[in-house]
Amino acid sequence: MGRVLLPMAEPCLLRCALAEYQLEDELLVRQQRRLRQRSPEQLQVGRYVEAHPTTGLPVLTPLAAALEALSALSYAQASVDYAMLVAAAVKAVEVHCAALAEDVVSADVLLPVMVLVVIHAELPHAYTVLKHAYNYLEPQAARSELGYCLVTYEAALEHVLNTDE
């Protein structure tokens, strides 16, 4: 099976996906806007992300590679490219955390920092594009490390969507 180009996929399928996940996409944008006002301590990542001395907001410079990878998701041409960008973001977060951790970076450390990255990344139609990419990802890729990274990203998205006031 060849690579399915997302822009060339049946336009109706993408329109249907946009309609199906419109509420999630809109909620994610609202949640991102609201959660961007939280400090690293409030987001439970204070050990891994420094707070700005005046504003108390996260200093995102050390996570720039992860933010850039996620912000490029809307430009992915194929689902495997999308998965590779997500994997690059997860790896960048893992490398950042590993530099500050005393032990192996577990999911308990990785997920909260990924949540912070999702909160601060520019992610147009993030939920729709994730679900759409899943539909076209080859099964062997979904069962690989790419699949693990997609699940980690999806968990971070879901966490942001479901975080209460």
N, C-alpha and C. Protein backbone atom coordinates (compact mmCIF):
# COMPACT_ATOMS: atom_id res chain seq x y z
N MET A 1 0.84 -1.17 0.00
CA MET A 1 0.00 0.00 0.00
C MET A 1 0.89 1.24 0.00
N GLY A 2 0.59 2.20 -0.85
CA GLY A 2 1.36 3.43 -0.92
C GLY A 2 0.92 4.44 0.13
N ARG A 3 1.61 5.55 0.12
CA ARG A 3 1.25 6.62 1.06
C ARG A 3 0.03 7.35 0.53
N VAL A 4 -0.92 7.58 1.41
CA VAL A 4 -2.11 8.33 1.03
C VAL A 4 -1.86 9.80 1.34
N LEU A 5 -1.94 10.63 0.33
CA LEU A 5 -1.74 12.06 0.54
C LEU A 5 -3.01 12.66 1.13
N LEU A 6 -2.88 13.25 2.31
CA LEU A 6 -4.05 13.83 2.96
C LEU A 6 -4.75 14.88 2.10
N PRO A 7 -4.03 15.82 1.45
CA PRO A 7 -4.73 16.80 0.64
C PRO A 7 -5.46 16.19 -0.56
N MET A 8 -5.00 15.01 -1.00
CA MET A 8 -5.63 14.38 -2.15
C MET A 8 -6.71 13.38 -1.75
N ALA A 9 -6.84 13.12 -0.45
CA ALA A 9 -7.87 12.20 0.01
C ALA A 9 -9.22 12.78 -0.38
N GLU A 10 -10.17 11.91 -0.50
CA GLU A 10 -11.51 12.32 -0.89
C GLU A 10 -11.93 13.58 -0.12
N PRO A 11 -12.10 14.72 -0.82
CA PRO A 11 -12.45 15.97 -0.12
C PRO A 11 -13.69 15.84 0.74
N CYS A 12 -14.62 15.03 0.30
CA CYS A 12 -15.84 14.84 1.09
C CYS A 12 -15.53 14.21 2.44
N LEU A 13 -14.56 13.29 2.46
CA LEU A 13 -14.20 12.64 3.73
C LEU A 13 -13.64 13.65 4.72
N LEU A 14 -12.80 14.55 4.23
CA LEU A 14 -12.25 15.57 5.11
C LEU A 14 -13.33 16.54 5.56
N ARG A 15 -14.22 16.92 4.64
CA ARG A 15 -15.34 17.80 5.03
C ARG A 15 -16.20 17.12 6.08
N CYS A 16 -16.45 15.84 5.91
CA CYS A 16 -17.24 15.09 6.90
C CYS A 16 -16.52 15.04 8.23
N ALA A 17 -15.21 14.82 8.19
CA ALA A 17 -14.43 14.79 9.44
C ALA A 17 -14.45 16.15 10.11
N LEU A 18 -14.31 17.23 9.33
CA LEU A 18 -14.36 18.58 9.90
C LEU A 18 -15.70 18.82 10.58
N ALA A 19 -16.77 18.36 9.95
CA ALA A 19 -18.10 18.53 10.55
C ALA A 19 -18.25 17.65 11.79
N GLU A 20 -17.75 16.42 11.70
CA GLU A 20 -17.90 15.48 12.81
C GLU A 20 -17.15 15.94 14.06
N TYR A 21 -15.98 16.53 13.89
CA TYR A 21 -15.15 16.90 15.04
C TYR A 21 -15.07 18.42 15.26
N GLN A 22 -16.00 19.16 14.66
CA GLN A 22 -15.99 20.62 14.79
C GLN A 22 -16.07 21.06 16.25
N LEU A 23 -16.93 20.43 17.03
CA LEU A 23 -17.07 20.82 18.44
C LEU A 23 -15.78 20.60 19.21
N GLU A 24 -15.10 19.47 18.96
CA GLU A 24 -13.84 19.19 19.63
C GLU A 24 -12.77 20.20 19.24
N ASP A 25 -12.70 20.53 17.95
CA ASP A 25 -11.72 21.52 17.49
C ASP A 25 -11.96 22.88 18.13
N GLU A 26 -13.22 23.30 18.18
CA GLU A 26 -13.54 24.59 18.78
C GLU A 26 -13.26 24.59 20.28
N LEU A 27 -13.60 23.50 20.96
CA LEU A 27 -13.34 23.40 22.39
C LEU A 27 -11.84 23.43 22.66
N LEU A 28 -11.06 22.74 21.83
CA LEU A 28 -9.61 22.73 22.02
C LEU A 28 -9.04 24.15 21.95
N VAL A 29 -9.48 24.93 20.99
CA VAL A 29 -9.00 26.31 20.86
C VAL A 29 -9.34 27.11 22.12
N ARG A 30 -10.58 26.97 22.61
CA ARG A 30 -10.97 27.68 23.84
C ARG A 30 -10.14 27.23 25.03
N GLN A 31 -9.94 25.93 25.14
CA GLN A 31 -9.16 25.38 26.25
C GLN A 31 -7.71 25.85 26.18
N GLN A 32 -7.13 25.84 24.99
CA GLN A 32 -5.76 26.33 24.84
C GLN A 32 -5.66 27.77 25.31
N ARG A 33 -6.58 28.60 24.86
CA ARG A 33 -6.57 30.01 25.23
C ARG A 33 -6.64 30.16 26.75
N ARG A 34 -7.51 29.41 27.39
CA ARG A 34 -7.69 29.49 28.84
C ARG A 34 -6.46 28.95 29.58
N LEU A 35 -5.95 27.81 29.14
CA LEU A 35 -4.85 27.15 29.86
C LEU A 35 -3.50 27.82 29.64
N ARG A 36 -3.39 28.65 28.62
CA ARG A 36 -2.13 29.37 28.39
C ARG A 36 -1.82 30.35 29.51
N GLN A 37 -2.79 30.62 30.35
CA GLN A 37 -2.59 31.54 31.47
C GLN A 37 -2.08 30.82 32.73
N ARG A 38 -1.91 29.52 32.65
CA ARG A 38 -1.48 28.75 33.82
C ARG A 38 0.04 28.65 33.90
N SER A 39 0.52 28.63 35.14
CA SER A 39 1.96 28.51 35.40
C SER A 39 2.39 27.05 35.26
N PRO A 40 3.70 26.80 35.14
CA PRO A 40 4.18 25.42 35.12
C PRO A 40 3.75 24.64 36.37
N GLU A 41 3.75 25.29 37.52
CA GLU A 41 3.32 24.61 38.75
C GLU A 41 1.86 24.20 38.67
N GLN A 42 1.02 25.08 38.16
CA GLN A 42 -0.40 24.77 38.03
C GLN A 42 -0.63 23.62 37.05
N LEU A 43 0.24 23.51 36.06
CA LEU A 43 0.14 22.43 35.08
C LEU A 43 0.94 21.20 35.50
N GLN A 44 1.52 21.25 36.68
CA GLN A 44 2.26 20.13 37.28
C GLN A 44 3.48 19.72 36.46
N VAL A 45 4.15 20.73 35.90
CA VAL A 45 5.39 20.47 35.15
C VAL A 45 6.52 21.35 35.64
N GLY A 46 6.37 21.88 36.83
CA GLY A 46 7.35 22.81 37.38
C GLY A 46 8.76 22.27 37.46
N ARG A 47 8.89 20.97 37.58
CA ARG A 47 10.22 20.36 37.64
C ARG A 47 10.92 20.38 36.28
N TYR A 48 10.14 20.43 35.23
CA TYR A 48 10.69 20.31 33.88
C TYR A 48 10.60 21.59 33.05
N VAL A 49 9.78 22.54 33.51
CA VAL A 49 9.60 23.77 32.75
C VAL A 49 9.71 24.95 33.71
N GLU A 50 10.60 25.86 33.38
CA GLU A 50 10.84 27.04 34.21
C GLU A 50 9.69 28.05 34.03
N ALA A 51 9.39 28.78 35.09
CA ALA A 51 8.41 29.86 35.01
C ALA A 51 9.14 31.18 34.77
N HIS A 52 8.56 32.02 33.97
CA HIS A 52 9.13 33.35 33.73
C HIS A 52 9.09 34.12 35.05
N PRO A 53 10.19 34.80 35.42
CA PRO A 53 10.25 35.46 36.72
C PRO A 53 9.20 36.54 36.95
N THR A 54 8.77 37.21 35.88
CA THR A 54 7.79 38.28 36.09
C THR A 54 6.36 37.82 35.87
N THR A 55 6.13 37.06 34.82
CA THR A 55 4.75 36.66 34.50
C THR A 55 4.33 35.36 35.18
N GLY A 56 5.30 34.52 35.49
CA GLY A 56 4.98 33.21 36.05
C GLY A 56 4.55 32.20 35.01
N LEU A 57 4.48 32.62 33.76
CA LEU A 57 4.08 31.72 32.68
C LEU A 57 5.27 30.86 32.25
N PRO A 58 5.00 29.74 31.58
CA PRO A 58 6.09 28.84 31.17
C PRO A 58 7.08 29.50 30.22
N VAL A 59 8.35 29.21 30.43
CA VAL A 59 9.40 29.61 29.48
C VAL A 59 9.46 28.47 28.47
N LEU A 60 9.05 28.76 27.25
CA LEU A 60 8.88 27.71 26.24
C LEU A 60 10.09 27.50 25.35
N THR A 61 11.09 28.33 25.45
CA THR A 61 12.27 28.24 24.58
C THR A 61 12.88 26.84 24.55
N PRO A 62 13.04 26.15 25.69
CA PRO A 62 13.63 24.81 25.64
C PRO A 62 12.74 23.78 24.92
N LEU A 63 11.48 24.11 24.72
CA LEU A 63 10.55 23.19 24.06
C LEU A 63 10.24 23.64 22.63
N ALA A 64 11.06 24.53 22.09
CA ALA A 64 10.80 25.09 20.75
C ALA A 64 10.71 24.01 19.67
N ALA A 65 11.55 23.00 19.73
CA ALA A 65 11.53 21.94 18.70
C ALA A 65 10.20 21.20 18.71
N ALA A 66 9.68 20.91 19.89
CA ALA A 66 8.40 20.22 20.01
C ALA A 66 7.27 21.11 19.51
N LEU A 67 7.29 22.37 19.88
CA LEU A 67 6.26 23.32 19.43
C LEU A 67 6.28 23.48 17.92
N GLU A 68 7.47 23.56 17.34
CA GLU A 68 7.59 23.70 15.88
C GLU A 68 7.07 22.46 15.16
N ALA A 69 7.40 21.28 15.69
CA ALA A 69 6.93 20.04 15.05
C ALA A 69 5.40 19.97 15.07
N LEU A 70 4.79 20.29 16.21
CA LEU A 70 3.33 20.24 16.28
C LEU A 70 2.69 21.33 15.42
N SER A 71 3.30 22.49 15.39
CA SER A 71 2.74 23.58 14.59
C SER A 71 2.82 23.29 13.09
N ALA A 72 3.67 22.37 12.69
CA ALA A 72 3.79 21.99 11.27
C ALA A 72 2.81 20.89 10.87
N LEU A 73 2.03 20.37 11.80
CA LEU A 73 1.14 19.25 11.50
C LEU A 73 0.15 19.55 10.38
N SER A 74 -0.36 20.75 10.34
CA SER A 74 -1.36 21.07 9.32
C SER A 74 -0.76 21.10 7.91
N TYR A 75 0.57 21.04 7.81
CA TYR A 75 1.23 21.04 6.50
C TYR A 75 1.65 19.63 6.06
N ALA A 76 1.38 18.62 6.88
CA ALA A 76 1.77 17.25 6.54
C ALA A 76 1.04 16.80 5.27
N GLN A 77 1.77 16.17 4.37
CA GLN A 77 1.20 15.74 3.10
C GLN A 77 0.63 14.32 3.15
N ALA A 78 1.06 13.53 4.11
CA ALA A 78 0.57 12.16 4.23
C ALA A 78 0.48 11.80 5.71
N SER A 79 -0.33 10.81 6.00
CA SER A 79 -0.52 10.43 7.40
C SER A 79 0.78 10.00 8.06
N VAL A 80 1.67 9.36 7.31
CA VAL A 80 2.95 8.95 7.89
C VAL A 80 3.81 10.18 8.19
N ASP A 81 3.72 11.20 7.34
CA ASP A 81 4.45 12.46 7.61
C ASP A 81 3.90 13.11 8.88
N TYR A 82 2.59 13.09 9.01
CA TYR A 82 1.93 13.62 10.21
C TYR A 82 2.44 12.87 11.44
N ALA A 83 2.44 11.54 11.36
CA ALA A 83 2.90 10.72 12.50
C ALA A 83 4.37 11.00 12.81
N MET A 84 5.18 11.23 11.78
CA MET A 84 6.60 11.52 12.02
C MET A 84 6.79 12.88 12.70
N LEU A 85 5.96 13.85 12.36
CA LEU A 85 6.03 15.15 13.04
C LEU A 85 5.61 15.01 14.51
N VAL A 86 4.57 14.24 14.75
CA VAL A 86 4.15 13.99 16.14
C VAL A 86 5.28 13.29 16.89
N ALA A 87 5.89 12.29 16.25
CA ALA A 87 7.01 11.58 16.88
C ALA A 87 8.16 12.53 17.18
N ALA A 88 8.44 13.45 16.27
CA ALA A 88 9.51 14.43 16.51
C ALA A 88 9.19 15.30 17.72
N ALA A 89 7.94 15.67 17.86
CA ALA A 89 7.53 16.48 19.02
C ALA A 89 7.68 15.69 20.31
N VAL A 90 7.21 14.45 20.30
CA VAL A 90 7.30 13.60 21.50
C VAL A 90 8.77 13.36 21.85
N LYS A 91 9.59 13.10 20.85
CA LYS A 91 11.03 12.87 21.10
C LYS A 91 11.69 14.13 21.66
N ALA A 92 11.33 15.29 21.14
CA ALA A 92 11.90 16.54 21.65
C ALA A 92 11.53 16.75 23.11
N VAL A 93 10.30 16.43 23.46
CA VAL A 93 9.87 16.54 24.87
C VAL A 93 10.62 15.52 25.72
N GLU A 94 10.77 14.31 25.19
CA GLU A 94 11.49 13.26 25.93
C GLU A 94 12.95 13.66 26.17
N VAL A 95 13.61 14.21 25.16
CA VAL A 95 15.00 14.65 25.30
C VAL A 95 15.10 15.77 26.33
N HIS A 96 14.18 16.71 26.27
CA HIS A 96 14.16 17.82 27.23
C HIS A 96 14.01 17.29 28.66
N CYS A 97 13.05 16.40 28.86
CA CYS A 97 12.80 15.86 30.20
C CYS A 97 13.97 14.99 30.67
N ALA A 98 14.55 14.23 29.76
CA ALA A 98 15.67 13.35 30.13
C ALA A 98 16.86 14.16 30.63
N ALA A 99 17.06 15.34 30.07
CA ALA A 99 18.17 16.19 30.49
C ALA A 99 17.99 16.68 31.93
N LEU A 100 16.75 16.69 32.40
CA LEU A 100 16.45 17.19 33.75
C LEU A 100 16.08 16.08 34.73
N ALA A 101 15.86 14.88 34.22
CA ALA A 101 15.41 13.77 35.06
C ALA A 101 16.58 13.00 35.64
N GLU A 102 16.33 12.36 36.74
CA GLU A 102 17.34 11.51 37.36
C GLU A 102 17.19 10.06 36.91
N ASP A 103 16.10 9.77 36.25
CA ASP A 103 15.79 8.41 35.86
C ASP A 103 15.25 8.42 34.43
N VAL A 104 14.82 7.26 33.96
CA VAL A 104 14.22 7.14 32.64
C VAL A 104 12.93 7.97 32.62
N VAL A 105 12.66 8.61 31.50
CA VAL A 105 11.46 9.42 31.37
C VAL A 105 10.27 8.50 31.15
N SER A 106 9.37 8.49 32.13
CA SER A 106 8.19 7.64 32.04
C SER A 106 7.03 8.43 31.44
N ALA A 107 5.94 7.72 31.15
CA ALA A 107 4.74 8.38 30.64
C ALA A 107 4.18 9.37 31.64
N ASP A 108 4.39 9.12 32.93
CA ASP A 108 3.92 10.04 33.97
C ASP A 108 4.63 11.39 33.89
N VAL A 109 5.82 11.42 33.34
CA VAL A 109 6.56 12.67 33.14
C VAL A 109 6.26 13.22 31.74
N LEU A 110 6.29 12.35 30.75
CA LEU A 110 6.13 12.76 29.36
C LEU A 110 4.77 13.40 29.09
N LEU A 111 3.70 12.80 29.58
CA LEU A 111 2.36 13.28 29.25
C LEU A 111 2.10 14.70 29.75
N PRO A 112 2.39 15.04 31.00
CA PRO A 112 2.13 16.43 31.42
C PRO A 112 2.91 17.48 30.62
N VAL A 113 4.13 17.16 30.24
CA VAL A 113 4.90 18.12 29.44
C VAL A 113 4.32 18.18 28.02
N MET A 114 3.86 17.05 27.49
CA MET A 114 3.18 17.07 26.19
C MET A 114 1.90 17.90 26.26
N VAL A 115 1.19 17.82 27.38
CA VAL A 115 -0.01 18.64 27.56
C VAL A 115 0.37 20.12 27.47
N LEU A 116 1.44 20.51 28.13
CA LEU A 116 1.91 21.90 28.07
C LEU A 116 2.22 22.29 26.62
N VAL A 117 2.88 21.41 25.89
CA VAL A 117 3.23 21.71 24.49
C VAL A 117 1.96 21.84 23.65
N VAL A 118 0.99 20.96 23.85
CA VAL A 118 -0.28 21.04 23.12
C VAL A 118 -0.99 22.36 23.44
N ILE A 119 -0.95 22.77 24.69
CA ILE A 119 -1.59 24.03 25.09
C ILE A 119 -1.00 25.21 24.33
N HIS A 120 0.30 25.20 24.11
CA HIS A 120 0.97 26.35 23.52
C HIS A 120 1.25 26.24 22.02
N ALA A 121 0.99 25.11 21.41
CA ALA A 121 1.22 24.95 19.96
C ALA A 121 0.05 25.52 19.16
N GLU A 122 0.35 25.96 17.96
CA GLU A 122 -0.70 26.38 17.03
C GLU A 122 -1.19 25.13 16.31
N LEU A 123 -2.44 24.75 16.58
CA LEU A 123 -2.96 23.48 16.08
C LEU A 123 -4.33 23.66 15.41
N PRO A 124 -4.38 24.20 14.20
CA PRO A 124 -5.68 24.35 13.55
C PRO A 124 -6.31 22.98 13.26
N HIS A 125 -7.55 22.84 13.64
CA HIS A 125 -8.31 21.59 13.41
C HIS A 125 -7.56 20.37 13.93
N ALA A 126 -6.93 20.49 15.08
CA ALA A 126 -6.05 19.44 15.60
C ALA A 126 -6.76 18.11 15.77
N TYR A 127 -7.94 18.13 16.34
CA TYR A 127 -8.65 16.88 16.61
C TYR A 127 -9.07 16.22 15.30
N THR A 128 -9.61 17.02 14.40
CA THR A 128 -10.04 16.49 13.10
C THR A 128 -8.88 15.88 12.34
N VAL A 129 -7.78 16.61 12.26
CA VAL A 129 -6.63 16.13 11.48
C VAL A 129 -6.04 14.87 12.10
N LEU A 130 -6.00 14.79 13.44
CA LEU A 130 -5.51 13.58 14.10
C LEU A 130 -6.37 12.38 13.71
N LYS A 131 -7.68 12.52 13.84
CA LYS A 131 -8.58 11.40 13.52
C LYS A 131 -8.50 11.05 12.04
N HIS A 132 -8.39 12.06 11.19
CA HIS A 132 -8.29 11.82 9.75
C HIS A 132 -6.98 11.09 9.42
N ALA A 133 -5.89 11.50 10.04
CA ALA A 133 -4.59 10.85 9.81
C ALA A 133 -4.63 9.40 10.28
N TYR A 134 -5.26 9.15 11.42
CA TYR A 134 -5.39 7.77 11.91
C TYR A 134 -6.05 6.88 10.87
N ASN A 135 -7.05 7.41 10.18
CA ASN A 135 -7.78 6.61 9.19
C ASN A 135 -6.90 6.14 8.04
N TYR A 136 -5.83 6.89 7.75
CA TYR A 136 -4.99 6.57 6.60
C TYR A 136 -3.60 6.07 6.98
N LEU A 137 -3.33 5.92 8.26
CA LEU A 137 -2.02 5.43 8.69
C LEU A 137 -1.97 3.92 8.48
N GLU A 138 -0.90 3.47 7.88
CA GLU A 138 -0.75 2.04 7.63
C GLU A 138 -0.67 1.28 8.94
N PRO A 139 -1.27 0.08 9.02
CA PRO A 139 -1.32 -0.67 10.28
C PRO A 139 0.04 -0.92 10.93
N GLN A 140 1.06 -1.23 10.12
CA GLN A 140 2.38 -1.48 10.72
C GLN A 140 2.95 -0.22 11.36
N ALA A 141 2.65 0.94 10.79
CA ALA A 141 3.11 2.20 11.39
C ALA A 141 2.36 2.47 12.69
N ALA A 142 1.07 2.15 12.71
CA ALA A 142 0.27 2.37 13.92
C ALA A 142 0.74 1.48 15.06
N ARG A 143 1.34 0.34 14.75
CA ARG A 143 1.81 -0.58 15.79
C ARG A 143 3.27 -0.32 16.18
N SER A 144 3.88 0.66 15.56
CA SER A 144 5.29 0.95 15.82
C SER A 144 5.43 2.08 16.83
N GLU A 145 6.64 2.59 16.95
CA GLU A 145 6.90 3.73 17.82
C GLU A 145 6.09 4.95 17.37
N LEU A 146 5.84 5.05 16.07
CA LEU A 146 4.99 6.15 15.59
C LEU A 146 3.61 6.08 16.22
N GLY A 147 3.09 4.87 16.32
CA GLY A 147 1.78 4.69 16.95
C GLY A 147 1.78 5.09 18.41
N TYR A 148 2.86 4.72 19.12
CA TYR A 148 2.99 5.11 20.54
C TYR A 148 3.00 6.63 20.66
N CYS A 149 3.73 7.28 19.78
CA CYS A 149 3.80 8.75 19.82
C CYS A 149 2.45 9.37 19.51
N LEU A 150 1.73 8.81 18.54
CA LEU A 150 0.39 9.32 18.23
C LEU A 150 -0.54 9.17 19.43
N VAL A 151 -0.47 8.03 20.11
CA VAL A 151 -1.31 7.81 21.28
C VAL A 151 -0.96 8.80 22.39
N THR A 152 0.33 9.07 22.57
CA THR A 152 0.76 10.04 23.57
C THR A 152 0.22 11.42 23.23
N TYR A 153 0.32 11.81 21.97
CA TYR A 153 -0.20 13.10 21.52
C TYR A 153 -1.72 13.16 21.70
N GLU A 154 -2.39 12.08 21.31
CA GLU A 154 -3.85 12.04 21.45
C GLU A 154 -4.26 12.16 22.92
N ALA A 155 -3.53 11.50 23.81
CA ALA A 155 -3.83 11.59 25.24
C ALA A 155 -3.65 13.03 25.73
N ALA A 156 -2.63 13.71 25.24
CA ALA A 156 -2.41 15.11 25.63
C ALA A 156 -3.55 15.99 25.11
N LEU A 157 -3.97 15.76 23.86
CA LEU A 157 -5.11 16.51 23.31
C LEU A 157 -6.36 16.27 24.14
N GLU A 158 -6.63 15.01 24.44
CA GLU A 158 -7.82 14.67 25.23
C GLU A 158 -7.76 15.31 26.61
N HIS A 159 -6.59 15.33 27.21
CA HIS A 159 -6.44 15.94 28.53
C HIS A 159 -6.78 17.43 28.46
N VAL A 160 -6.28 18.11 27.44
CA VAL A 160 -6.58 19.54 27.29
C VAL A 160 -8.08 19.73 27.06
N LEU A 161 -8.67 18.89 26.23
CA LEU A 161 -10.11 19.00 25.96
C LEU A 161 -10.94 18.81 27.22
N ASN A 162 -10.52 17.93 28.10
CA ASN A 162 -11.33 17.54 29.25
C ASN A 162 -10.92 18.17 30.56
N THR A 163 -10.02 19.15 30.52
CA THR A 163 -9.60 19.83 31.75
C THR A 163 -10.67 20.82 32.16
N ASP A 164 -11.14 20.69 33.38
CA ASP A 164 -12.17 21.59 33.91
C ASP A 164 -11.55 22.89 34.38
N GLU A 165 -12.44 23.85 34.64
CA GLU A 165 -12.00 25.13 35.21
C GLU A 165 -11.31 24.83 36.49
